[in-house]
Amino acid sequence: MIKLHPWVKRVIVILVVLIIALVLAFRFFVEPPPPAVSVPPSVQLLESRLVGRKDGFRQWEIWAQSVLQTGDLVTLTDLDEITMFQDEEEYLFLDAQTAIWDRKQDILHLHESIVWDRDEGFYLESDVLIWDGNKETLTSPGPVFIVWEGLEINATEMILESRENLLYLRDDVQIRDGSMIWRTDSAVYDLDHERMDFYGSLVLEEGANE
């Protein structure tokens, strides 16, 4: 059996440590690090009430069974109640299947929506309603169906100017009154006075009264 001098043993130990250190350094600097996985932060709440405000005043209030926040977008599902406010008073009531709120833009999208006023004299359906908190407008970029004073009204586009309490119907407005169907260019509904005014040529659709 060969006996090594103590200093020889120390040299061997130092060499082994240096080799291990070189191997580790090579792997760290030469081998690429594993790719980072980016997962957007999200928070989900259950049974929550969300309130949209402007200048400290409530614009809308939504009760939802499920709220999912991802970045600036808040998705609400299983909605229980939606209330629009004006001067801190209840203004309009809505039902919707889902809602998506862009917090940064202060824009609320309501899908499969129904709107009615506080006196239940006005009813509106739309696939999508968009509330713009900065402009204080509620718009339907697609067709709307309205029931008012026994009339059934269809229009291609709708915009509600909340500050003036005026609802504008535009582009091919159709009014059904019993067996008669009328067409006109546009209509304006005054929510304060519960009055509907029609503008443009009012034309009775051919054969509608048969």
N, C-alpha and C. Protein backbone atom coordinates (compact mmCIF):
# COMPACT_ATOMS: atom_id res chain seq x y z
N MET A 1 0.84 -1.19 0.00
CA MET A 1 0.00 0.00 0.00
C MET A 1 0.88 1.24 0.00
N ILE A 2 0.53 2.14 -0.95
CA ILE A 2 1.38 3.34 -1.08
C ILE A 2 0.87 4.40 -0.14
N LYS A 3 1.75 4.95 0.64
CA LYS A 3 1.41 6.05 1.55
C LYS A 3 1.82 7.36 0.91
N LEU A 4 0.85 8.26 0.87
CA LEU A 4 1.11 9.57 0.27
C LEU A 4 1.48 10.56 1.36
N HIS A 5 2.36 11.43 0.98
CA HIS A 5 2.78 12.48 1.91
C HIS A 5 1.58 13.40 2.16
N PRO A 6 1.44 13.93 3.32
CA PRO A 6 0.29 14.82 3.62
C PRO A 6 0.14 15.96 2.63
N TRP A 7 1.23 16.55 2.19
CA TRP A 7 1.09 17.69 1.25
C TRP A 7 0.56 17.23 -0.10
N VAL A 8 0.91 15.95 -0.46
CA VAL A 8 0.39 15.40 -1.72
C VAL A 8 -1.13 15.23 -1.61
N LYS A 9 -1.62 14.74 -0.48
CA LYS A 9 -3.06 14.61 -0.27
C LYS A 9 -3.75 15.96 -0.38
N ARG A 10 -3.12 16.99 0.20
CA ARG A 10 -3.75 18.33 0.13
C ARG A 10 -3.82 18.82 -1.31
N VAL A 11 -2.77 18.52 -2.09
CA VAL A 11 -2.78 18.94 -3.49
C VAL A 11 -3.89 18.23 -4.26
N ILE A 12 -4.07 16.92 -4.00
CA ILE A 12 -5.12 16.16 -4.69
C ILE A 12 -6.50 16.72 -4.34
N VAL A 13 -6.75 17.01 -3.07
CA VAL A 13 -8.02 17.57 -2.64
C VAL A 13 -8.28 18.90 -3.32
N ILE A 14 -7.25 19.74 -3.40
CA ILE A 14 -7.41 21.06 -4.05
C ILE A 14 -7.74 20.89 -5.51
N LEU A 15 -7.07 19.93 -6.20
CA LEU A 15 -7.33 19.70 -7.62
C LEU A 15 -8.77 19.23 -7.84
N VAL A 16 -9.24 18.32 -6.98
CA VAL A 16 -10.62 17.83 -7.11
C VAL A 16 -11.60 18.98 -6.95
N VAL A 17 -11.38 19.84 -5.95
CA VAL A 17 -12.27 20.99 -5.72
C VAL A 17 -12.26 21.93 -6.91
N LEU A 18 -11.06 22.16 -7.50
CA LEU A 18 -10.95 23.04 -8.67
C LEU A 18 -11.70 22.46 -9.86
N ILE A 19 -11.59 21.14 -10.05
CA ILE A 19 -12.28 20.51 -11.19
C ILE A 19 -13.80 20.65 -11.03
N ILE A 20 -14.30 20.38 -9.82
CA ILE A 20 -15.75 20.52 -9.59
C ILE A 20 -16.20 21.96 -9.82
N ALA A 21 -15.40 22.92 -9.35
CA ALA A 21 -15.76 24.32 -9.53
C ALA A 21 -15.77 24.70 -11.00
N LEU A 22 -14.80 24.19 -11.79
CA LEU A 22 -14.76 24.50 -13.22
C LEU A 22 -15.97 23.91 -13.95
N VAL A 23 -16.36 22.67 -13.57
CA VAL A 23 -17.52 22.04 -14.21
C VAL A 23 -18.78 22.84 -13.93
N LEU A 24 -18.96 23.25 -12.67
CA LEU A 24 -20.15 24.04 -12.32
C LEU A 24 -20.16 25.38 -13.02
N ALA A 25 -19.01 26.03 -13.10
CA ALA A 25 -18.93 27.33 -13.78
C ALA A 25 -19.22 27.19 -15.26
N PHE A 26 -18.73 26.12 -15.88
CA PHE A 26 -18.99 25.88 -17.30
C PHE A 26 -20.48 25.71 -17.56
N ARG A 27 -21.13 24.92 -16.72
CA ARG A 27 -22.56 24.68 -16.92
C ARG A 27 -23.37 25.95 -16.70
N PHE A 28 -22.95 26.79 -15.75
CA PHE A 28 -23.71 28.02 -15.46
C PHE A 28 -23.57 29.05 -16.57
N PHE A 29 -22.37 29.23 -17.09
CA PHE A 29 -22.14 30.28 -18.08
C PHE A 29 -22.40 29.84 -19.51
N VAL A 30 -22.25 28.56 -19.81
CA VAL A 30 -22.36 28.10 -21.19
C VAL A 30 -23.77 27.61 -21.49
N GLU A 31 -24.35 26.78 -20.60
CA GLU A 31 -25.67 26.25 -20.86
C GLU A 31 -26.71 27.36 -20.68
N PRO A 32 -27.66 27.49 -21.62
CA PRO A 32 -28.68 28.55 -21.51
C PRO A 32 -29.63 28.25 -20.37
N PRO A 33 -30.09 29.28 -19.66
CA PRO A 33 -31.04 29.06 -18.57
C PRO A 33 -32.38 28.61 -19.12
N PRO A 34 -33.16 27.90 -18.35
CA PRO A 34 -34.49 27.46 -18.82
C PRO A 34 -35.38 28.66 -19.09
N PRO A 35 -36.23 28.57 -20.12
CA PRO A 35 -37.09 29.72 -20.46
C PRO A 35 -38.06 30.05 -19.33
N ALA A 36 -38.28 31.36 -19.13
CA ALA A 36 -39.20 31.80 -18.09
C ALA A 36 -40.63 31.69 -18.59
N VAL A 37 -41.50 31.22 -17.74
CA VAL A 37 -42.91 31.09 -18.08
C VAL A 37 -43.65 32.29 -17.50
N SER A 38 -44.29 33.07 -18.39
CA SER A 38 -45.01 34.26 -17.97
C SER A 38 -46.47 33.93 -17.77
N VAL A 39 -46.95 34.08 -16.56
CA VAL A 39 -48.35 33.83 -16.24
C VAL A 39 -48.97 35.13 -15.77
N PRO A 40 -49.96 35.65 -16.48
CA PRO A 40 -50.55 36.92 -16.06
C PRO A 40 -51.18 36.80 -14.69
N PRO A 41 -50.96 37.79 -13.85
CA PRO A 41 -51.57 37.73 -12.52
C PRO A 41 -53.07 37.84 -12.60
N SER A 42 -53.77 37.03 -11.86
CA SER A 42 -55.23 37.07 -11.87
C SER A 42 -55.73 36.81 -10.46
N VAL A 43 -56.85 37.42 -10.18
CA VAL A 43 -57.48 37.26 -8.88
C VAL A 43 -58.96 36.97 -9.11
N GLN A 44 -59.48 35.96 -8.45
CA GLN A 44 -60.89 35.61 -8.59
C GLN A 44 -61.58 35.77 -7.25
N LEU A 45 -62.70 36.47 -7.28
CA LEU A 45 -63.51 36.68 -6.08
C LEU A 45 -64.86 36.04 -6.29
N LEU A 46 -65.49 35.65 -5.21
CA LEU A 46 -66.81 35.05 -5.26
C LEU A 46 -67.80 35.92 -4.49
N GLU A 47 -69.01 36.05 -5.05
CA GLU A 47 -70.08 36.81 -4.44
C GLU A 47 -69.60 38.22 -4.08
N SER A 48 -69.39 39.04 -5.11
CA SER A 48 -68.84 40.37 -4.91
C SER A 48 -69.75 41.44 -5.47
N ARG A 49 -69.57 42.67 -4.98
CA ARG A 49 -70.27 43.85 -5.47
C ARG A 49 -69.24 44.81 -6.02
N LEU A 50 -69.39 45.17 -7.28
CA LEU A 50 -68.50 46.12 -7.91
C LEU A 50 -69.25 47.43 -8.15
N VAL A 51 -68.55 48.54 -7.92
CA VAL A 51 -69.15 49.86 -8.08
C VAL A 51 -68.25 50.69 -8.99
N GLY A 52 -68.83 51.20 -10.08
CA GLY A 52 -68.11 52.12 -10.95
C GLY A 52 -68.40 53.55 -10.54
N ARG A 53 -67.34 54.35 -10.40
CA ARG A 53 -67.51 55.72 -9.93
C ARG A 53 -66.81 56.71 -10.87
N LYS A 54 -67.32 57.94 -10.85
CA LYS A 54 -66.67 59.06 -11.53
C LYS A 54 -66.77 60.27 -10.62
N ASP A 55 -65.60 60.85 -10.35
CA ASP A 55 -65.52 62.00 -9.45
C ASP A 55 -66.17 61.69 -8.09
N GLY A 56 -66.04 60.43 -7.67
CA GLY A 56 -66.56 60.03 -6.37
C GLY A 56 -68.02 59.64 -6.35
N PHE A 57 -68.74 59.81 -7.46
CA PHE A 57 -70.15 59.48 -7.51
C PHE A 57 -70.36 58.14 -8.22
N ARG A 58 -71.33 57.37 -7.75
CA ARG A 58 -71.63 56.08 -8.36
C ARG A 58 -72.22 56.26 -9.75
N GLN A 59 -71.71 55.48 -10.69
CA GLN A 59 -72.30 55.40 -12.03
C GLN A 59 -73.06 54.10 -12.21
N TRP A 60 -72.51 53.01 -11.68
CA TRP A 60 -73.18 51.72 -11.78
C TRP A 60 -72.76 50.83 -10.62
N GLU A 61 -73.57 49.82 -10.39
CA GLU A 61 -73.31 48.86 -9.31
C GLU A 61 -73.75 47.49 -9.79
N ILE A 62 -72.87 46.50 -9.62
CA ILE A 62 -73.14 45.15 -10.09
C ILE A 62 -72.88 44.15 -8.96
N TRP A 63 -73.85 43.29 -8.76
CA TRP A 63 -73.65 42.13 -7.89
C TRP A 63 -73.37 40.92 -8.77
N ALA A 64 -72.31 40.20 -8.48
CA ALA A 64 -71.91 39.05 -9.29
C ALA A 64 -71.47 37.91 -8.39
N GLN A 65 -71.79 36.69 -8.82
CA GLN A 65 -71.37 35.51 -8.07
C GLN A 65 -69.89 35.19 -8.30
N SER A 66 -69.35 35.59 -9.47
CA SER A 66 -67.96 35.29 -9.79
C SER A 66 -67.32 36.50 -10.46
N VAL A 67 -66.14 36.88 -9.96
CA VAL A 67 -65.39 38.03 -10.49
C VAL A 67 -63.96 37.59 -10.71
N LEU A 68 -63.49 37.72 -11.95
CA LEU A 68 -62.12 37.34 -12.29
C LEU A 68 -61.39 38.56 -12.82
N GLN A 69 -60.30 38.93 -12.15
CA GLN A 69 -59.51 40.09 -12.58
C GLN A 69 -58.19 39.63 -13.17
N THR A 70 -57.91 40.08 -14.40
CA THR A 70 -56.64 39.80 -15.07
C THR A 70 -56.12 41.13 -15.62
N GLY A 71 -55.10 41.67 -14.99
CA GLY A 71 -54.60 42.97 -15.42
C GLY A 71 -55.66 44.04 -15.20
N ASP A 72 -55.95 44.80 -16.27
CA ASP A 72 -56.95 45.86 -16.20
C ASP A 72 -58.36 45.37 -16.50
N LEU A 73 -58.51 44.11 -16.88
CA LEU A 73 -59.82 43.58 -17.25
C LEU A 73 -60.44 42.81 -16.09
N VAL A 74 -61.70 43.10 -15.82
CA VAL A 74 -62.45 42.40 -14.79
C VAL A 74 -63.66 41.73 -15.46
N THR A 75 -63.73 40.41 -15.35
CA THR A 75 -64.82 39.65 -15.96
C THR A 75 -65.78 39.20 -14.88
N LEU A 76 -67.07 39.51 -15.08
CA LEU A 76 -68.10 39.17 -14.10
C LEU A 76 -69.07 38.19 -14.74
N THR A 77 -69.38 37.14 -14.02
CA THR A 77 -70.33 36.13 -14.49
C THR A 77 -71.33 35.84 -13.38
N ASP A 78 -72.42 35.16 -13.76
CA ASP A 78 -73.50 34.87 -12.81
C ASP A 78 -73.97 36.15 -12.14
N LEU A 79 -74.39 37.11 -12.96
CA LEU A 79 -74.77 38.43 -12.45
C LEU A 79 -76.15 38.36 -11.80
N ASP A 80 -76.27 39.01 -10.66
CA ASP A 80 -77.54 39.04 -9.94
C ASP A 80 -78.32 40.32 -10.23
N GLU A 81 -77.65 41.47 -10.22
CA GLU A 81 -78.35 42.74 -10.35
C GLU A 81 -77.39 43.80 -10.86
N ILE A 82 -77.89 44.66 -11.77
CA ILE A 82 -77.10 45.78 -12.28
C ILE A 82 -77.96 47.03 -12.15
N THR A 83 -77.42 48.05 -11.53
CA THR A 83 -78.15 49.30 -11.35
C THR A 83 -77.29 50.46 -11.88
N MET A 84 -77.91 51.33 -12.69
CA MET A 84 -77.26 52.55 -13.15
C MET A 84 -77.74 53.70 -12.27
N PHE A 85 -76.82 54.61 -11.95
CA PHE A 85 -77.14 55.71 -11.05
C PHE A 85 -76.97 57.05 -11.77
N GLN A 86 -77.76 58.01 -11.31
CA GLN A 86 -77.63 59.38 -11.77
C GLN A 86 -77.85 60.29 -10.57
N ASP A 87 -76.83 61.08 -10.23
CA ASP A 87 -76.90 61.93 -9.03
C ASP A 87 -77.20 61.10 -7.80
N GLU A 88 -76.54 59.93 -7.72
CA GLU A 88 -76.66 59.02 -6.58
C GLU A 88 -78.07 58.42 -6.45
N GLU A 89 -78.91 58.59 -7.45
CA GLU A 89 -80.24 57.99 -7.44
C GLU A 89 -80.30 56.85 -8.45
N GLU A 90 -81.07 55.81 -8.14
CA GLU A 90 -81.26 54.70 -9.07
C GLU A 90 -81.92 55.22 -10.34
N TYR A 91 -81.35 54.82 -11.48
CA TYR A 91 -81.73 55.43 -12.75
C TYR A 91 -82.31 54.39 -13.73
N LEU A 92 -81.54 53.37 -14.00
CA LEU A 92 -81.96 52.27 -14.87
C LEU A 92 -81.55 50.96 -14.23
N PHE A 93 -82.27 49.91 -14.60
CA PHE A 93 -81.98 48.57 -14.09
C PHE A 93 -81.70 47.66 -15.28
N LEU A 94 -80.71 46.79 -15.12
CA LEU A 94 -80.29 45.93 -16.22
C LEU A 94 -80.12 44.50 -15.75
N ASP A 95 -80.33 43.59 -16.69
CA ASP A 95 -79.92 42.19 -16.55
C ASP A 95 -78.92 41.90 -17.66
N ALA A 96 -77.95 41.06 -17.39
CA ALA A 96 -76.97 40.67 -18.40
C ALA A 96 -76.41 39.30 -18.04
N GLN A 97 -75.97 38.59 -19.08
CA GLN A 97 -75.37 37.28 -18.85
C GLN A 97 -73.95 37.41 -18.29
N THR A 98 -73.15 38.26 -18.92
CA THR A 98 -71.77 38.50 -18.47
C THR A 98 -71.44 39.98 -18.64
N ALA A 99 -70.39 40.40 -17.95
CA ALA A 99 -69.92 41.78 -18.05
C ALA A 99 -68.40 41.77 -18.03
N ILE A 100 -67.81 42.66 -18.82
CA ILE A 100 -66.34 42.83 -18.84
C ILE A 100 -66.06 44.30 -18.64
N TRP A 101 -65.30 44.60 -17.60
CA TRP A 101 -65.00 46.00 -17.25
C TRP A 101 -63.51 46.26 -17.48
N ASP A 102 -63.22 47.21 -18.36
CA ASP A 102 -61.86 47.69 -18.58
C ASP A 102 -61.62 48.83 -17.60
N ARG A 103 -60.89 48.56 -16.52
CA ARG A 103 -60.71 49.56 -15.48
C ARG A 103 -59.93 50.76 -15.97
N LYS A 104 -58.94 50.54 -16.82
CA LYS A 104 -58.10 51.63 -17.28
C LYS A 104 -58.88 52.58 -18.19
N GLN A 105 -59.69 52.01 -19.10
CA GLN A 105 -60.48 52.83 -20.02
C GLN A 105 -61.82 53.23 -19.41
N ASP A 106 -62.21 52.60 -18.29
CA ASP A 106 -63.50 52.82 -17.66
C ASP A 106 -64.63 52.54 -18.64
N ILE A 107 -64.57 51.38 -19.28
CA ILE A 107 -65.58 50.95 -20.23
C ILE A 107 -66.13 49.59 -19.78
N LEU A 108 -67.44 49.49 -19.74
CA LEU A 108 -68.11 48.28 -19.28
C LEU A 108 -68.91 47.68 -20.42
N HIS A 109 -68.61 46.42 -20.77
CA HIS A 109 -69.35 45.69 -21.80
C HIS A 109 -70.35 44.75 -21.12
N LEU A 110 -71.60 44.85 -21.53
CA LEU A 110 -72.65 43.99 -20.99
C LEU A 110 -73.20 43.13 -22.13
N HIS A 111 -73.16 41.82 -21.94
CA HIS A 111 -73.57 40.90 -23.01
C HIS A 111 -74.93 40.28 -22.69
N GLU A 112 -75.76 40.17 -23.77
CA GLU A 112 -77.12 39.64 -23.64
C GLU A 112 -77.87 40.45 -22.59
N SER A 113 -78.12 41.73 -22.91
CA SER A 113 -78.61 42.68 -21.91
C SER A 113 -80.09 43.02 -22.08
N ILE A 114 -80.71 43.33 -20.96
CA ILE A 114 -82.08 43.84 -20.91
C ILE A 114 -82.06 45.09 -20.03
N VAL A 115 -82.75 46.14 -20.48
CA VAL A 115 -82.80 47.40 -19.74
C VAL A 115 -84.25 47.79 -19.53
N TRP A 116 -84.57 48.29 -18.35
CA TRP A 116 -85.90 48.88 -18.12
C TRP A 116 -85.74 50.08 -17.19
N ASP A 117 -86.70 51.01 -17.31
CA ASP A 117 -86.60 52.21 -16.49
C ASP A 117 -87.30 52.01 -15.16
N ARG A 118 -87.21 53.01 -14.31
CA ARG A 118 -87.71 52.87 -12.94
C ARG A 118 -89.24 52.75 -12.88
N ASP A 119 -89.94 53.29 -13.90
CA ASP A 119 -91.40 53.23 -13.91
C ASP A 119 -91.93 52.06 -14.73
N GLU A 120 -91.04 51.22 -15.24
CA GLU A 120 -91.40 50.03 -16.00
C GLU A 120 -92.22 50.35 -17.25
N GLY A 121 -92.01 51.55 -17.81
CA GLY A 121 -92.70 51.91 -19.03
C GLY A 121 -91.84 51.76 -20.26
N PHE A 122 -90.60 51.32 -20.06
CA PHE A 122 -89.65 51.21 -21.17
C PHE A 122 -88.82 49.94 -20.99
N TYR A 123 -88.70 49.18 -22.07
CA TYR A 123 -88.00 47.90 -22.04
C TYR A 123 -87.14 47.79 -23.29
N LEU A 124 -85.89 47.37 -23.12
CA LEU A 124 -84.94 47.31 -24.25
C LEU A 124 -84.11 46.04 -24.16
N GLU A 125 -83.89 45.39 -25.31
CA GLU A 125 -83.02 44.22 -25.41
C GLU A 125 -81.90 44.50 -26.41
N SER A 126 -80.70 44.00 -26.09
CA SER A 126 -79.56 44.15 -26.99
C SER A 126 -78.56 43.03 -26.73
N ASP A 127 -77.86 42.61 -27.77
CA ASP A 127 -76.82 41.59 -27.60
C ASP A 127 -75.64 42.14 -26.81
N VAL A 128 -75.27 43.40 -27.08
CA VAL A 128 -74.14 44.02 -26.39
C VAL A 128 -74.47 45.47 -26.09
N LEU A 129 -74.28 45.86 -24.84
CA LEU A 129 -74.37 47.26 -24.44
C LEU A 129 -73.02 47.69 -23.89
N ILE A 130 -72.61 48.91 -24.22
CA ILE A 130 -71.30 49.42 -23.82
C ILE A 130 -71.49 50.71 -23.03
N TRP A 131 -71.06 50.69 -21.77
CA TRP A 131 -71.10 51.90 -20.95
C TRP A 131 -69.72 52.54 -20.94
N ASP A 132 -69.66 53.80 -21.37
CA ASP A 132 -68.42 54.58 -21.35
C ASP A 132 -68.49 55.53 -20.16
N GLY A 133 -67.68 55.25 -19.14
CA GLY A 133 -67.75 56.05 -17.93
C GLY A 133 -67.29 57.47 -18.11
N ASN A 134 -66.37 57.72 -19.04
CA ASN A 134 -65.89 59.08 -19.27
C ASN A 134 -66.92 59.93 -20.00
N LYS A 135 -67.57 59.35 -21.01
CA LYS A 135 -68.58 60.08 -21.78
C LYS A 135 -69.96 59.99 -21.15
N GLU A 136 -70.13 59.03 -20.21
CA GLU A 136 -71.42 58.78 -19.58
C GLU A 136 -72.48 58.44 -20.63
N THR A 137 -72.12 57.50 -21.50
CA THR A 137 -73.04 57.05 -22.54
C THR A 137 -73.19 55.54 -22.48
N LEU A 138 -74.38 55.08 -22.82
CA LEU A 138 -74.67 53.65 -22.96
C LEU A 138 -75.07 53.41 -24.42
N THR A 139 -74.29 52.62 -25.13
CA THR A 139 -74.53 52.43 -26.56
C THR A 139 -74.75 50.96 -26.88
N SER A 140 -75.51 50.75 -27.95
CA SER A 140 -75.67 49.42 -28.54
C SER A 140 -75.17 49.51 -29.97
N PRO A 141 -74.00 48.95 -30.27
CA PRO A 141 -73.47 49.04 -31.64
C PRO A 141 -74.25 48.18 -32.63
N GLY A 142 -75.09 47.29 -32.11
CA GLY A 142 -75.90 46.43 -32.97
C GLY A 142 -77.38 46.68 -32.75
N PRO A 143 -78.23 45.84 -33.34
CA PRO A 143 -79.68 46.05 -33.27
C PRO A 143 -80.21 46.02 -31.84
N VAL A 144 -81.28 46.80 -31.63
CA VAL A 144 -81.98 46.80 -30.35
C VAL A 144 -83.47 46.56 -30.59
N PHE A 145 -84.11 45.98 -29.59
CA PHE A 145 -85.56 45.77 -29.62
C PHE A 145 -86.14 46.46 -28.40
N ILE A 146 -87.19 47.29 -28.61
CA ILE A 146 -87.75 48.11 -27.55
C ILE A 146 -89.27 47.90 -27.50
N VAL A 147 -89.78 47.85 -26.28
CA VAL A 147 -91.22 47.87 -26.06
C VAL A 147 -91.53 49.14 -25.26
N TRP A 148 -92.42 49.98 -25.81
CA TRP A 148 -92.78 51.23 -25.17
C TRP A 148 -94.21 51.59 -25.50
N GLU A 149 -95.02 51.76 -24.47
CA GLU A 149 -96.42 52.17 -24.62
C GLU A 149 -97.17 51.29 -25.63
N GLY A 150 -96.91 50.00 -25.58
CA GLY A 150 -97.59 49.07 -26.47
C GLY A 150 -96.99 48.97 -27.86
N LEU A 151 -95.99 49.79 -28.17
CA LEU A 151 -95.32 49.75 -29.46
C LEU A 151 -94.08 48.85 -29.38
N GLU A 152 -93.82 48.12 -30.44
CA GLU A 152 -92.60 47.34 -30.57
C GLU A 152 -91.70 48.04 -31.57
N ILE A 153 -90.50 48.40 -31.14
CA ILE A 153 -89.61 49.23 -31.95
C ILE A 153 -88.29 48.50 -32.14
N ASN A 154 -87.84 48.47 -33.39
CA ASN A 154 -86.53 47.92 -33.72
C ASN A 154 -85.67 49.03 -34.34
N ALA A 155 -84.38 49.02 -34.01
CA ALA A 155 -83.44 49.99 -34.59
C ALA A 155 -82.08 49.34 -34.74
N THR A 156 -81.32 49.84 -35.69
CA THR A 156 -80.00 49.27 -35.95
C THR A 156 -78.96 49.70 -34.93
N GLU A 157 -79.16 50.88 -34.35
CA GLU A 157 -78.16 51.43 -33.42
C GLU A 157 -78.87 52.25 -32.35
N MET A 158 -78.29 52.25 -31.14
CA MET A 158 -78.85 53.02 -30.04
C MET A 158 -77.73 53.68 -29.25
N ILE A 159 -77.98 54.91 -28.79
CA ILE A 159 -77.06 55.58 -27.88
C ILE A 159 -77.87 56.35 -26.84
N LEU A 160 -77.54 56.15 -25.58
CA LEU A 160 -78.19 56.84 -24.49
C LEU A 160 -77.22 57.88 -23.93
N GLU A 161 -77.58 59.15 -24.04
CA GLU A 161 -76.80 60.24 -23.46
C GLU A 161 -77.31 60.44 -22.04
N SER A 162 -76.54 59.91 -21.07
CA SER A 162 -77.01 59.91 -19.69
C SER A 162 -77.16 61.32 -19.13
N ARG A 163 -76.29 62.23 -19.52
CA ARG A 163 -76.35 63.58 -18.96
C ARG A 163 -77.62 64.32 -19.38
N GLU A 164 -78.08 64.06 -20.63
CA GLU A 164 -79.28 64.72 -21.13
C GLU A 164 -80.54 63.87 -20.95
N ASN A 165 -80.38 62.63 -20.49
CA ASN A 165 -81.51 61.70 -20.35
C ASN A 165 -82.24 61.49 -21.67
N LEU A 166 -81.48 61.42 -22.75
CA LEU A 166 -82.05 61.22 -24.07
C LEU A 166 -81.48 59.95 -24.68
N LEU A 167 -82.37 59.14 -25.24
CA LEU A 167 -81.98 57.89 -25.90
C LEU A 167 -82.27 58.02 -27.39
N TYR A 168 -81.22 57.85 -28.19
CA TYR A 168 -81.33 58.04 -29.64
C TYR A 168 -81.36 56.68 -30.34
N LEU A 169 -82.34 56.52 -31.24
CA LEU A 169 -82.42 55.35 -32.10
C LEU A 169 -82.12 55.79 -33.52
N ARG A 170 -81.21 55.07 -34.20
CA ARG A 170 -80.76 55.51 -35.50
C ARG A 170 -80.75 54.36 -36.50
N ASP A 171 -80.92 54.75 -37.78
CA ASP A 171 -80.74 53.83 -38.90
C ASP A 171 -81.85 52.77 -38.95
N ASP A 172 -82.81 53.02 -39.82
CA ASP A 172 -83.89 52.06 -40.10
C ASP A 172 -84.67 51.71 -38.83
N VAL A 173 -85.36 52.71 -38.31
CA VAL A 173 -86.20 52.50 -37.13
C VAL A 173 -87.56 51.96 -37.59
N GLN A 174 -87.98 50.83 -37.02
CA GLN A 174 -89.25 50.22 -37.37
C GLN A 174 -90.17 50.22 -36.15
N ILE A 175 -91.39 50.65 -36.34
CA ILE A 175 -92.36 50.73 -35.25
C ILE A 175 -93.55 49.84 -35.60
N ARG A 176 -93.82 48.87 -34.76
CA ARG A 176 -94.98 47.99 -34.97
C ARG A 176 -96.07 48.41 -33.99
N ASP A 177 -97.23 48.75 -34.54
CA ASP A 177 -98.40 49.11 -33.75
C ASP A 177 -99.53 48.17 -34.17
N GLY A 178 -99.68 47.09 -33.45
CA GLY A 178 -100.67 46.09 -33.81
C GLY A 178 -100.29 45.44 -35.13
N SER A 179 -101.17 45.56 -36.13
CA SER A 179 -100.90 44.95 -37.43
C SER A 179 -100.14 45.88 -38.37
N MET A 180 -99.87 47.11 -37.94
CA MET A 180 -99.19 48.08 -38.80
C MET A 180 -97.72 48.21 -38.44
N ILE A 181 -96.87 48.33 -39.47
CA ILE A 181 -95.44 48.54 -39.28
C ILE A 181 -95.05 49.81 -40.01
N TRP A 182 -94.45 50.73 -39.25
CA TRP A 182 -93.98 51.99 -39.81
C TRP A 182 -92.45 52.00 -39.81
N ARG A 183 -91.89 52.73 -40.77
CA ARG A 183 -90.44 52.92 -40.84
C ARG A 183 -90.13 54.41 -40.83
N THR A 184 -89.06 54.76 -40.16
CA THR A 184 -88.60 56.13 -40.16
C THR A 184 -87.09 56.16 -39.98
N ASP A 185 -86.50 57.37 -40.06
CA ASP A 185 -85.03 57.48 -40.03
C ASP A 185 -84.47 57.34 -38.62
N SER A 186 -85.08 58.02 -37.66
CA SER A 186 -84.54 58.03 -36.30
C SER A 186 -85.64 58.35 -35.31
N ALA A 187 -85.33 58.12 -34.04
CA ALA A 187 -86.27 58.44 -32.97
C ALA A 187 -85.48 58.83 -31.73
N VAL A 188 -86.12 59.64 -30.88
CA VAL A 188 -85.50 60.07 -29.63
C VAL A 188 -86.48 59.84 -28.49
N TYR A 189 -86.01 59.15 -27.45
CA TYR A 189 -86.85 58.90 -26.28
C TYR A 189 -86.35 59.77 -25.14
N ASP A 190 -87.24 60.61 -24.60
CA ASP A 190 -86.94 61.48 -23.46
C ASP A 190 -87.30 60.73 -22.19
N LEU A 191 -86.28 60.31 -21.43
CA LEU A 191 -86.53 59.53 -20.23
C LEU A 191 -87.17 60.36 -19.13
N ASP A 192 -86.89 61.66 -19.09
CA ASP A 192 -87.49 62.50 -18.06
C ASP A 192 -88.99 62.63 -18.24
N HIS A 193 -89.42 62.84 -19.49
CA HIS A 193 -90.83 63.07 -19.76
C HIS A 193 -91.52 61.83 -20.34
N GLU A 194 -90.76 60.72 -20.49
CA GLU A 194 -91.30 59.47 -21.02
C GLU A 194 -92.04 59.71 -22.33
N ARG A 195 -91.34 60.39 -23.26
CA ARG A 195 -91.93 60.75 -24.55
C ARG A 195 -91.01 60.29 -25.67
N MET A 196 -91.62 59.73 -26.71
CA MET A 196 -90.87 59.27 -27.88
C MET A 196 -91.22 60.16 -29.07
N ASP A 197 -90.20 60.73 -29.73
CA ASP A 197 -90.37 61.54 -30.92
C ASP A 197 -89.71 60.84 -32.10
N PHE A 198 -90.39 60.84 -33.24
CA PHE A 198 -89.89 60.20 -34.45
C PHE A 198 -89.51 61.28 -35.47
N TYR A 199 -88.39 61.05 -36.17
CA TYR A 199 -87.86 62.05 -37.11
C TYR A 199 -87.67 61.41 -38.49
N GLY A 200 -87.88 62.24 -39.52
CA GLY A 200 -87.75 61.74 -40.88
C GLY A 200 -89.09 61.37 -41.44
N SER A 201 -89.08 60.80 -42.61
CA SER A 201 -90.31 60.38 -43.28
C SER A 201 -90.86 59.14 -42.60
N LEU A 202 -92.12 59.21 -42.17
CA LEU A 202 -92.77 58.06 -41.54
C LEU A 202 -93.56 57.33 -42.61
N VAL A 203 -93.14 56.12 -42.94
CA VAL A 203 -93.68 55.37 -44.07
C VAL A 203 -94.32 54.09 -43.56
N LEU A 204 -95.56 53.86 -44.00
CA LEU A 204 -96.24 52.60 -43.67
C LEU A 204 -95.73 51.52 -44.61
N GLU A 205 -95.22 50.43 -44.01
CA GLU A 205 -94.67 49.35 -44.82
C GLU A 205 -95.77 48.69 -45.64
N GLU A 206 -95.49 48.46 -46.89
CA GLU A 206 -96.47 47.92 -47.83
C GLU A 206 -96.95 46.55 -47.36
N GLY A 207 -98.28 46.38 -47.29
CA GLY A 207 -98.85 45.09 -46.92
C GLY A 207 -98.83 44.80 -45.45
N ALA A 208 -98.33 45.76 -44.61
CA ALA A 208 -98.23 45.48 -43.18
C ALA A 208 -99.58 45.42 -42.52
N ASN A 209 -100.60 46.09 -43.12
CA ASN A 209 -101.91 46.12 -42.49
C ASN A 209 -102.84 45.03 -43.00
N GLU A 210 -102.33 44.11 -43.79
CA GLU A 210 -103.16 43.03 -44.32
C GLU A 210 -103.27 41.91 -43.30
